[in-house]
């Protein structure tokens, strides 16, 4: 069998494996651990997945096992350390997976210093080294997969594309699942496809060592708001993750947007893009928050696509035409407009969040919506789209 061997300077003691909430690293900002529970959850996962670790403190083995006890008639596996029952069971951390267990052992080794990580195939004997902690973990299929995809879980060996005061960015050539690390240790699972991964020096995590999308967005927004080069700024905008972008612009963002404008780039917003089939959008337009676009428009740095449209027309309601298809397409554009048919001197017009249609028009529903926009004032369109 293949074993993962992890060692580090210093000696682990049995209490490190049994005392919940006891941590010597909580106030040390350069350390990865802080909660005092990681080793305990890791042990629980390894024991319930038949990957019982062999642990040496120096040359002395700390024996890990479990015994079955009844708790209110229910059999439970109680973890033992050197033959002594603990208050820990193998059911701790029920949502933990293999990479989380390896993460804890590696994190502790890194925190202690002088760590080494390697794999050994069927060692003839297991032994420790004086003044070191040595851990052997049998590799099942799940743990082997983690080591094969090591860079997805640990950023220690990854080439940094750009470093900021908030953390490091790793750009990828192809889109793949976004990897988020804290101090080079994975702290988030996501199916979001990106060409950028992030390793934050500091980001809020739970006791499971996992962060949230909210904290990720906040930290990426801090990077985007900092004084980063325009090429890095654009690559982050190209991800089209509006949740990453701060609502308001600061001078760093403005400077980078001006540089992009000077180099010929154009911009759009999420709402404007929804209307790409109706209103023209420049090829390759960069998506930005509507608040940014409005500010750039107010400063005369970008031109609104709605400057040359306008006009309104009278109407006498008859309800003679079925407008359900028109309303269907409006809802597809996130516009909850009322729709009325009647007598008027134009096929369609907009007024006060309602669409008015000539009851004998020959235009299709999509054509009516397009003509509605061309008949709206610039202010009206900007009010609902930008």
Foldseek 3Di string as FASTA:
>chain_A
DKKKKKKAFAFDDPVLQADFQDDPCQPPLQADDHRSCQNNLLQLQQQVVVFHKWKDGAFRTWDWDWDWDADPNRTWTFIDTNNHTGPGTSCPPVVDDDLSSVLSVNRVRVRRHPMDIDMDDPDPDDGHHGRMMMMITDDDPRNVVCVVVVCLFFVPPPDFPDADPFWTKDFAPFWAFEFEAASRGTAEGDRQTARIHTYTPDFDHDPSSHHDPLRVLVSLQVVLQDQDDLVVNQRVLVSVPASNHDLDHDVNNVVSVLVCLVVPEAADEPLRVLCVVQFPDDPPHGYYHLSVVVVCVVVVSHPDSQAPAEADWDWDFDQLADCPVLCVVCVSSVQNAAETEGDIPDQWEDDDSHIYGHRPDPDDSVVRVSVHSRHHHPVVCSVPRD
